[in-house]
Amino acid sequence: TQAIETCFRKYFTFTGRAQRSEFWYWVLFTFLAGLFIGFVEGFLGGMRGTEPNQLISMLFNLATFIPGLAVTARRLHDVNLSGWWMLIA
């Protein structure tokens, strides 16, 4: 959706605000994509009779880590909190 595109477009943008829908669509996208990638890696590893390689999930996590931090900081700004509140979690 538009929210996911916005998060990738604002990859390193920690200033500004993010709407609630932008943040939660990002969370939903990363959760569902992570489940799908984990299932595929587990299935492919089971077919070969080896442990899953996890290369795809590692690349996905690297690609979505910074945008996830950025959208979380922007969402905190939208509720009038500093982005540094992320450190509490």
PDB file of N, CA and C in Angstrom:
ATOM      1  N   THR A   1       0.826  -1.190   0.000  1.00  0.00           N
ATOM      2  CA  THR A   1       0.000   0.000   0.000  1.00  0.00           C
ATOM      3  C   THR A   1       0.871   1.255   0.000  1.00  0.00           C
ATOM      4  N   GLN A   2       0.215   2.363   0.043  1.00  0.00           N
ATOM      5  CA  GLN A   2       0.885   3.665   0.039  1.00  0.00           C
ATOM      6  C   GLN A   2       1.758   3.849   1.285  1.00  0.00           C
ATOM      7  N   ALA A   3       1.293   3.330   2.425  1.00  0.00           N
ATOM      8  CA  ALA A   3       2.043   3.498   3.677  1.00  0.00           C
ATOM      9  C   ALA A   3       3.384   2.784   3.628  1.00  0.00           C
ATOM     10  N   ILE A   4       3.424   1.608   3.045  1.00  0.00           N
ATOM     11  CA  ILE A   4       4.671   0.854   2.955  1.00  0.00           C
ATOM     12  C   ILE A   4       5.641   1.553   2.011  1.00  0.00           C
ATOM     13  N   GLU A   5       5.116   2.065   0.907  1.00  0.00           N
ATOM     14  CA  GLU A   5       5.959   2.828  -0.021  1.00  0.00           C
ATOM     15  C   GLU A   5       6.526   4.060   0.663  1.00  0.00           C
ATOM     16  N   THR A   6       5.705   4.721   1.463  1.00  0.00           N
ATOM     17  CA  THR A   6       6.151   5.910   2.177  1.00  0.00           C
ATOM     18  C   THR A   6       7.295   5.572   3.136  1.00  0.00           C
ATOM     19  N   CYS A   7       7.186   4.455   3.824  1.00  0.00           N
ATOM     20  CA  CYS A   7       8.246   4.066   4.764  1.00  0.00           C
ATOM     21  C   CYS A   7       9.554   3.798   4.033  1.00  0.00           C
ATOM     22  N   PHE A   8       9.500   3.172   2.863  1.00  0.00           N
ATOM     23  CA  PHE A   8      10.729   2.936   2.112  1.00  0.00           C
ATOM     24  C   PHE A   8      11.249   4.229   1.486  1.00  0.00           C
ATOM     25  N   ARG A   9      10.339   5.133   1.096  1.00  0.00           N
ATOM     26  CA  ARG A   9      10.768   6.412   0.527  1.00  0.00           C
ATOM     27  C   ARG A   9      11.449   7.279   1.581  1.00  0.00           C
ATOM     28  N   LYS A  10      10.967   7.207   2.800  1.00  0.00           N
ATOM     29  CA  LYS A  10      11.542   7.983   3.913  1.00  0.00           C
ATOM     30  C   LYS A  10      12.475   7.093   4.729  1.00  0.00           C
ATOM     31  N   TYR A  11      13.382   6.410   4.053  1.00  0.00           N
ATOM     32  CA  TYR A  11      14.237   5.392   4.652  1.00  0.00           C
ATOM     33  C   TYR A  11      15.006   5.913   5.866  1.00  0.00           C
ATOM     34  N   PHE A  12      15.640   7.070   5.728  1.00  0.00           N
ATOM     35  CA  PHE A  12      16.454   7.635   6.816  1.00  0.00           C
ATOM     36  C   PHE A  12      15.837   8.901   7.398  1.00  0.00           C
ATOM     37  N   THR A  13      14.537   9.105   7.231  1.00  0.00           N
ATOM     38  CA  THR A  13      13.879  10.309   7.725  1.00  0.00           C
ATOM     39  C   THR A  13      13.324  10.057   9.122  1.00  0.00           C
ATOM     40  N   PHE A  14      14.003  10.615  10.111  1.00  0.00           N
ATOM     41  CA  PHE A  14      13.579  10.450  11.494  1.00  0.00           C
ATOM     42  C   PHE A  14      12.834  11.683  12.004  1.00  0.00           C
ATOM     43  N   THR A  15      12.670  12.688  11.156  1.00  0.00           N
ATOM     44  CA  THR A  15      11.939  13.887  11.546  1.00  0.00           C
ATOM     45  C   THR A  15      10.568  13.868  10.898  1.00  0.00           C
ATOM     46  N   GLY A  16       9.678  14.642  11.449  1.00  0.00           N
ATOM     47  CA  GLY A  16       8.330  14.701  10.910  1.00  0.00           C
ATOM     48  C   GLY A  16       7.404  13.783  11.676  1.00  0.00           C
ATOM     49  N   ARG A  17       6.283  13.497  11.046  1.00  0.00           N
ATOM     50  CA  ARG A  17       5.247  12.710  11.713  1.00  0.00           C
ATOM     51  C   ARG A  17       4.781  11.569  10.817  1.00  0.00           C
ATOM     52  N   ALA A  18       4.275  10.524  11.437  1.00  0.00           N
ATOM     53  CA  ALA A  18       3.701   9.391  10.717  1.00  0.00           C
ATOM     54  C   ALA A  18       2.310   9.126  11.279  1.00  0.00           C
ATOM     55  N   GLN A  19       1.373   8.948  10.394  1.00  0.00           N
ATOM     56  CA  GLN A  19       0.017   8.653  10.835  1.00  0.00           C
ATOM     57  C   GLN A  19      -0.040   7.258  11.432  1.00  0.00           C
ATOM     58  N   ARG A  20      -1.082   7.047  12.203  1.00  0.00           N
ATOM     59  CA  ARG A  20      -1.271   5.743  12.832  1.00  0.00           C
ATOM     60  C   ARG A  20      -1.332   4.634  11.792  1.00  0.00           C
ATOM     61  N   SER A  21      -2.046   4.871  10.690  1.00  0.00           N
ATOM     62  CA  SER A  21      -2.175   3.842   9.661  1.00  0.00           C
ATOM     63  C   SER A  21      -0.834   3.519   9.008  1.00  0.00           C
ATOM     64  N   GLU A  22       0.010   4.532   8.792  1.00  0.00           N
ATOM     65  CA  GLU A  22       1.329   4.302   8.201  1.00  0.00           C
ATOM     66  C   GLU A  22       2.158   3.381   9.089  1.00  0.00           C
ATOM     67  N   PHE A  23       2.140   3.654  10.384  1.00  0.00           N
ATOM     68  CA  PHE A  23       2.905   2.837  11.320  1.00  0.00           C
ATOM     69  C   PHE A  23       2.375   1.412  11.365  1.00  0.00           C
ATOM     70  N   TRP A  24       1.061   1.223  11.515  1.00  0.00           N
ATOM     71  CA  TRP A  24       0.518  -0.119  11.682  1.00  0.00           C
ATOM     72  C   TRP A  24       0.538  -0.924  10.392  1.00  0.00           C
ATOM     73  N   TYR A  25       0.414  -0.269   9.234  1.00  0.00           N
ATOM     74  CA  TYR A  25       0.585  -1.010   7.978  1.00  0.00           C
ATOM     75  C   TYR A  25       2.025  -1.490   7.834  1.00  0.00           C
ATOM     76  N   TRP A  26       2.983  -0.697   8.300  1.00  0.00           N
ATOM     77  CA  TRP A  26       4.383  -1.120   8.273  1.00  0.00           C
ATOM     78  C   TRP A  26       4.590  -2.337   9.176  1.00  0.00           C
ATOM     79  N   VAL A  27       4.024  -2.290  10.372  1.00  0.00           N
ATOM     80  CA  VAL A  27       4.146  -3.409  11.303  1.00  0.00           C
ATOM     81  C   VAL A  27       3.506  -4.661  10.702  1.00  0.00           C
ATOM     82  N   LEU A  28       2.331  -4.512  10.115  1.00  0.00           N
ATOM     83  CA  LEU A  28       1.648  -5.651   9.498  1.00  0.00           C
ATOM     84  C   LEU A  28       2.461  -6.209   8.329  1.00  0.00           C
ATOM     85  N   PHE A  29       3.000  -5.325   7.495  1.00  0.00           N
ATOM     86  CA  PHE A  29       3.815  -5.763   6.360  1.00  0.00           C
ATOM     87  C   PHE A  29       5.035  -6.555   6.817  1.00  0.00           C
ATOM     88  N   THR A  30       5.784  -6.023   7.784  1.00  0.00           N
ATOM     89  CA  THR A  30       6.999  -6.711   8.220  1.00  0.00           C
ATOM     90  C   THR A  30       6.665  -8.037   8.913  1.00  0.00           C
ATOM     91  N   PHE A  31       5.563  -8.080   9.642  1.00  0.00           N
ATOM     92  CA  PHE A  31       5.161  -9.319  10.306  1.00  0.00           C
ATOM     93  C   PHE A  31       4.776 -10.389   9.293  1.00  0.00           C
ATOM     94  N   LEU A  32       3.900 -10.041   8.352  1.00  0.00           N
ATOM     95  CA  LEU A  32       3.444 -11.024   7.367  1.00  0.00           C
ATOM     96  C   LEU A  32       4.568 -11.450   6.429  1.00  0.00           C
ATOM     97  N   ALA A  33       5.392 -10.500   6.014  1.00  0.00           N
ATOM     98  CA  ALA A  33       6.524 -10.848   5.146  1.00  0.00           C
ATOM     99  C   ALA A  33       7.512 -11.735   5.891  1.00  0.00           C
ATOM    100  N   GLY A  34       7.743 -11.461   7.166  1.00  0.00           N
ATOM    101  CA  GLY A  34       8.627 -12.300   7.967  1.00  0.00           C
ATOM    102  C   GLY A  34       8.095 -13.709   8.123  1.00  0.00           C
ATOM    103  N   LEU A  35       6.778 -13.835   8.338  1.00  0.00           N
ATOM    104  CA  LEU A  35       6.170 -15.162   8.414  1.00  0.00           C
ATOM    105  C   LEU A  35       6.328 -15.921   7.103  1.00  0.00           C
ATOM    106  N   PHE A  36       6.050 -15.240   6.004  1.00  0.00           N
ATOM    107  CA  PHE A  36       6.144 -15.872   4.688  1.00  0.00           C
ATOM    108  C   PHE A  36       7.579 -16.310   4.388  1.00  0.00           C
ATOM    109  N   ILE A  37       8.519 -15.426   4.640  1.00  0.00           N
ATOM    110  CA  ILE A  37       9.927 -15.747   4.375  1.00  0.00           C
ATOM    111  C   ILE A  37      10.387 -16.900   5.266  1.00  0.00           C
ATOM    112  N   GLY A  38       9.997 -16.893   6.524  1.00  0.00           N
ATOM    113  CA  GLY A  38      10.346 -17.990   7.420  1.00  0.00           C
ATOM    114  C   GLY A  38       9.754 -19.313   6.968  1.00  0.00           C
ATOM    115  N   PHE A  39       8.508 -19.276   6.502  1.00  0.00           N
ATOM    116  CA  PHE A  39       7.870 -20.491   5.995  1.00  0.00           C
ATOM    117  C   PHE A  39       8.598 -21.016   4.765  1.00  0.00           C
ATOM    118  N   VAL A  40       8.934 -20.126   3.837  1.00  0.00           N
ATOM    119  CA  VAL A  40       9.632 -20.541   2.617  1.00  0.00           C
ATOM    120  C   VAL A  40      11.008 -21.109   2.947  1.00  0.00           C
ATOM    121  N   GLU A  41      11.731 -20.439   3.815  1.00  0.00           N
ATOM    122  CA  GLU A  41      13.060 -20.941   4.183  1.00  0.00           C
ATOM    123  C   GLU A  41      12.973 -22.287   4.897  1.00  0.00           C
ATOM    124  N   GLY A  42      12.001 -22.442   5.773  1.00  0.00           N
ATOM    125  CA  GLY A  42      11.817 -23.720   6.457  1.00  0.00           C
ATOM    126  C   GLY A  42      11.425 -24.825   5.498  1.00  0.00           C
ATOM    127  N   PHE A  43      10.552 -24.498   4.539  1.00  0.00           N
ATOM    128  CA  PHE A  43      10.120 -25.482   3.549  1.00  0.00           C
ATOM    129  C   PHE A  43      11.286 -25.901   2.656  1.00  0.00           C
ATOM    130  N   LEU A  44      12.058 -24.931   2.192  1.00  0.00           N
ATOM    131  CA  LEU A  44      13.198 -25.254   1.334  1.00  0.00           C
ATOM    132  C   LEU A  44      14.264 -26.025   2.099  1.00  0.00           C
ATOM    133  N   GLY A  45      14.482 -25.681   3.355  1.00  0.00           N
ATOM    134  CA  GLY A  45      15.444 -26.414   4.165  1.00  0.00           C
ATOM    135  C   GLY A  45      14.978 -27.829   4.431  1.00  0.00           C
ATOM    136  N   GLY A  46      13.667 -28.018   4.635  1.00  0.00           N
ATOM    137  CA  GLY A  46      13.119 -29.355   4.843  1.00  0.00           C
ATOM    138  C   GLY A  46      13.213 -30.216   3.603  1.00  0.00           C
ATOM    139  N   MET A  47      13.085 -29.616   2.436  1.00  0.00           N
ATOM    140  CA  MET A  47      13.189 -30.378   1.188  1.00  0.00           C
ATOM    141  C   MET A  47      14.611 -30.889   0.994  1.00  0.00           C
ATOM    142  N   ARG A  48      15.594 -30.118   1.398  1.00  0.00           N
ATOM    143  CA  ARG A  48      16.990 -30.534   1.246  1.00  0.00           C
ATOM    144  C   ARG A  48      17.440 -31.408   2.395  1.00  0.00           C
ATOM    145  N   GLY A  49      16.646 -31.456   3.456  1.00  0.00           N
ATOM    146  CA  GLY A  49      17.027 -32.249   4.616  1.00  0.00           C
ATOM    147  C   GLY A  49      18.081 -31.574   5.474  1.00  0.00           C
ATOM    148  N   THR A  50      18.175 -30.241   5.371  1.00  0.00           N
ATOM    149  CA  THR A  50      19.156 -29.488   6.158  1.00  0.00           C
ATOM    150  C   THR A  50      18.437 -28.420   6.963  1.00  0.00           C
ATOM    151  N   GLU A  51      19.192 -27.730   7.773  1.00  0.00           N
ATOM    152  CA  GLU A  51      18.639 -26.593   8.513  1.00  0.00           C
ATOM    153  C   GLU A  51      18.371 -25.452   7.538  1.00  0.00           C
ATOM    154  N   PRO A  52      17.367 -24.616   7.823  1.00  0.00           N
ATOM    155  CA  PRO A  52      17.112 -23.460   6.943  1.00  0.00           C
ATOM    156  C   PRO A  52      18.315 -22.530   6.887  1.00  0.00           C
ATOM    157  N   ASN A  53      18.567 -21.983   5.726  1.00  0.00           N
ATOM    158  CA  ASN A  53      19.724 -21.116   5.497  1.00  0.00           C
ATOM    159  C   ASN A  53      19.544 -19.749   6.152  1.00  0.00           C
ATOM    160  N   GLN A  54      18.359 -19.191   6.126  1.00  0.00           N
ATOM    161  CA  GLN A  54      17.998 -17.907   6.711  1.00  0.00           C
ATOM    162  C   GLN A  54      18.682 -16.716   6.063  1.00  0.00           C
ATOM    163  N   LEU A  55      19.213 -16.885   4.876  1.00  0.00           N
ATOM    164  CA  LEU A  55      19.837 -15.767   4.177  1.00  0.00           C
ATOM    165  C   LEU A  55      18.793 -14.737   3.751  1.00  0.00           C
ATOM    166  N   ILE A  56      17.661 -15.212   3.254  1.00  0.00           N
ATOM    167  CA  ILE A  56      16.614 -14.293   2.793  1.00  0.00           C
ATOM    168  C   ILE A  56      16.068 -13.484   3.962  1.00  0.00           C
ATOM    169  N   SER A  57      15.817 -14.138   5.090  1.00  0.00           N
ATOM    170  CA  SER A  57      15.282 -13.404   6.240  1.00  0.00           C
ATOM    171  C   SER A  57      16.306 -12.414   6.784  1.00  0.00           C
ATOM    172  N   MET A  58      17.579 -12.770   6.732  1.00  0.00           N
ATOM    173  CA  MET A  58      18.606 -11.837   7.192  1.00  0.00           C
ATOM    174  C   MET A  58      18.629 -10.593   6.300  1.00  0.00           C
ATOM    175  N   LEU A  59      18.552 -10.775   4.992  1.00  0.00           N
ATOM    176  CA  LEU A  59      18.537  -9.642   4.074  1.00  0.00           C
ATOM    177  C   LEU A  59      17.276  -8.802   4.259  1.00  0.00           C
ATOM    178  N   PHE A  60      16.133  -9.464   4.460  1.00  0.00           N
ATOM    179  CA  PHE A  60      14.885  -8.740   4.692  1.00  0.00           C
ATOM    180  C   PHE A  60      14.972  -7.914   5.972  1.00  0.00           C
ATOM    181  N   ASN A  61      15.514  -8.505   7.026  1.00  0.00           N
ATOM    182  CA  ASN A  61      15.652  -7.769   8.289  1.00  0.00           C
ATOM    183  C   ASN A  61      16.602  -6.585   8.155  1.00  0.00           C
ATOM    184  N   LEU A  62      17.681  -6.758   7.411  1.00  0.00           N
ATOM    185  CA  LEU A  62      18.593  -5.637   7.173  1.00  0.00           C
ATOM    186  C   LEU A  62      17.925  -4.525   6.376  1.00  0.00           C
ATOM    187  N   ALA A  63      17.087  -4.911   5.413  1.00  0.00           N
ATOM    188  CA  ALA A  63      16.426  -3.915   4.560  1.00  0.00           C
ATOM    189  C   ALA A  63      15.314  -3.172   5.283  1.00  0.00           C
ATOM    190  N   THR A  64      14.713  -3.767   6.309  1.00  0.00           N
ATOM    191  CA  THR A  64      13.577  -3.143   6.974  1.00  0.00           C
ATOM    192  C   THR A  64      13.888  -2.592   8.368  1.00  0.00           C
ATOM    193  N   PHE A  65      15.097  -2.788   8.860  1.00  0.00           N
ATOM    194  CA  PHE A  65      15.427  -2.339  10.212  1.00  0.00           C
ATOM    195  C   PHE A  65      15.404  -0.816  10.341  1.00  0.00           C
ATOM    196  N   ILE A  66      16.148  -0.123   9.492  1.00  0.00           N
ATOM    197  CA  ILE A  66      16.231   1.349   9.567  1.00  0.00           C
ATOM    198  C   ILE A  66      14.875   1.994   9.276  1.00  0.00           C
ATOM    199  N   PRO A  67      14.140   1.581   8.222  1.00  0.00           N
ATOM    200  CA  PRO A  67      12.822   2.193   8.020  1.00  0.00           C
ATOM    201  C   PRO A  67      11.873   1.941   9.188  1.00  0.00           C
ATOM    202  N   GLY A  68      12.011   0.799   9.842  1.00  0.00           N
ATOM    203  CA  GLY A  68      11.176   0.523  11.011  1.00  0.00           C
ATOM    204  C   GLY A  68      11.472   1.469  12.157  1.00  0.00           C
ATOM    205  N   LEU A  69      12.757   1.737  12.380  1.00  0.00           N
ATOM    206  CA  LEU A  69      13.122   2.717  13.407  1.00  0.00           C
ATOM    207  C   LEU A  69      12.621   4.108  13.033  1.00  0.00           C
ATOM    208  N   ALA A  70      12.748   4.455  11.756  1.00  0.00           N
ATOM    209  CA  ALA A  70      12.349   5.793  11.311  1.00  0.00           C
ATOM    210  C   ALA A  70      10.844   6.003  11.452  1.00  0.00           C
ATOM    211  N   VAL A  71      10.045   5.025  11.029  1.00  0.00           N
ATOM    212  CA  VAL A  71       8.592   5.200  11.133  1.00  0.00           C
ATOM    213  C   VAL A  71       8.152   5.198  12.591  1.00  0.00           C
ATOM    214  N   THR A  72       8.846   4.455  13.440  1.00  0.00           N
ATOM    215  CA  THR A  72       8.520   4.473  14.864  1.00  0.00           C
ATOM    216  C   THR A  72       8.838   5.837  15.471  1.00  0.00           C
ATOM    217  N   ALA A  73       9.960   6.420  15.107  1.00  0.00           N
ATOM    218  CA  ALA A  73      10.308   7.754  15.610  1.00  0.00           C
ATOM    219  C   ALA A  73       9.298   8.791  15.122  1.00  0.00           C
ATOM    220  N   ARG A  74       8.925   8.702  13.850  1.00  0.00           N
ATOM    221  CA  ARG A  74       7.935   9.661  13.319  1.00  0.00           C
ATOM    222  C   ARG A  74       6.580   9.474  13.985  1.00  0.00           C
ATOM    223  N   ARG A  75       6.209   8.232  14.306  1.00  0.00           N
ATOM    224  CA  ARG A  75       4.936   7.985  14.989  1.00  0.00           C
ATOM    225  C   ARG A  75       4.974   8.563  16.402  1.00  0.00           C
ATOM    226  N   LEU A  76       6.098   8.413  17.078  1.00  0.00           N
ATOM    227  CA  LEU A  76       6.226   9.003  18.414  1.00  0.00           C
ATOM    228  C   LEU A  76       6.131  10.519  18.346  1.00  0.00           C
ATOM    229  N   HIS A  77       6.689  11.121  17.300  1.00  0.00           N
ATOM    230  CA  HIS A  77       6.557  12.571  17.135  1.00  0.00           C
ATOM    231  C   HIS A  77       5.097  12.965  16.958  1.00  0.00           C
ATOM    232  N   ASP A  78       4.320  12.106  16.297  1.00  0.00           N
ATOM    233  CA  ASP A  78       2.909  12.411  16.050  1.00  0.00           C
ATOM    234  C   ASP A  78       2.105  12.439  17.343  1.00  0.00           C
ATOM    235  N   VAL A  79       2.546  11.709  18.350  1.00  0.00           N
ATOM    236  CA  VAL A  79       1.861  11.729  19.646  1.00  0.00           C
ATOM    237  C   VAL A  79       2.608  12.611  20.643  1.00  0.00           C
ATOM    238  N   ASN A  80       3.414  13.530  20.114  1.00  0.00           N
ATOM    239  CA  ASN A  80       4.143  14.529  20.902  1.00  0.00           C
ATOM    240  C   ASN A  80       5.138  13.923  21.890  1.00  0.00           C
ATOM    241  N   LEU A  81       5.846  12.895  21.457  1.00  0.00           N
ATOM    242  CA  LEU A  81       6.928  12.311  22.239  1.00  0.00           C
ATOM    243  C   LEU A  81       8.203  12.343  21.406  1.00  0.00           C
ATOM    244  N   SER A  82       9.315  12.265  22.082  1.00  0.00           N
ATOM    245  CA  SER A  82      10.602  12.224  21.398  1.00  0.00           C
ATOM    246  C   SER A  82      10.831  10.821  20.831  1.00  0.00           C
ATOM    247  N   GLY A  83      11.554  10.755  19.721  1.00  0.00           N
ATOM    248  CA  GLY A  83      11.895   9.472  19.134  1.00  0.00           C
ATOM    249  C   GLY A  83      12.788   8.633  20.025  1.00  0.00           C
ATOM    250  N   TRP A  84      13.449   9.270  20.978  1.00  0.00           N
ATOM    251  CA  TRP A  84      14.318   8.552  21.900  1.00  0.00           C
ATOM    252  C   TRP A  84      13.541   7.617  22.821  1.00  0.00           C
ATOM    253  N   TRP A  85      12.224   7.750  22.893  1.00  0.00           N
ATOM    254  CA  TRP A  85      11.419   6.859  23.705  1.00  0.00           C
ATOM    255  C   TRP A  85      11.485   5.424  23.195  1.00  0.00           C
ATOM    256  N   MET A  86      11.954   5.229  21.974  1.00  0.00           N
ATOM    257  CA  MET A  86      12.118   3.870  21.437  1.00  0.00           C
ATOM    258  C   MET A  86      13.101   3.069  22.269  1.00  0.00           C
ATOM    259  N   LEU A  87      14.054   3.746  22.874  1.00  0.00           N
ATOM    260  CA  LEU A  87      15.079   3.050  23.648  1.00  0.00           C
ATOM    261  C   LEU A  87      14.520   2.338  24.872  1.00  0.00           C
ATOM    262  N   ILE A  88      13.349   2.757  25.337  1.00  0.00           N
ATOM    263  CA  ILE A  88      12.735   2.106  26.480  1.00  0.00           C
ATOM    264  C   ILE A  88      12.361   0.664  26.135  1.00  0.00           C
ATOM    265  N   ALA A  89      11.901   0.460  24.918  1.00  0.00           N
ATOM    266  CA  ALA A  89      11.498  -0.901  24.511  1.00  0.00           C
ATOM    267  C   ALA A  89      12.725  -1.753  24.381  1.00  0.00           C
TER     268      ALA A  89
END
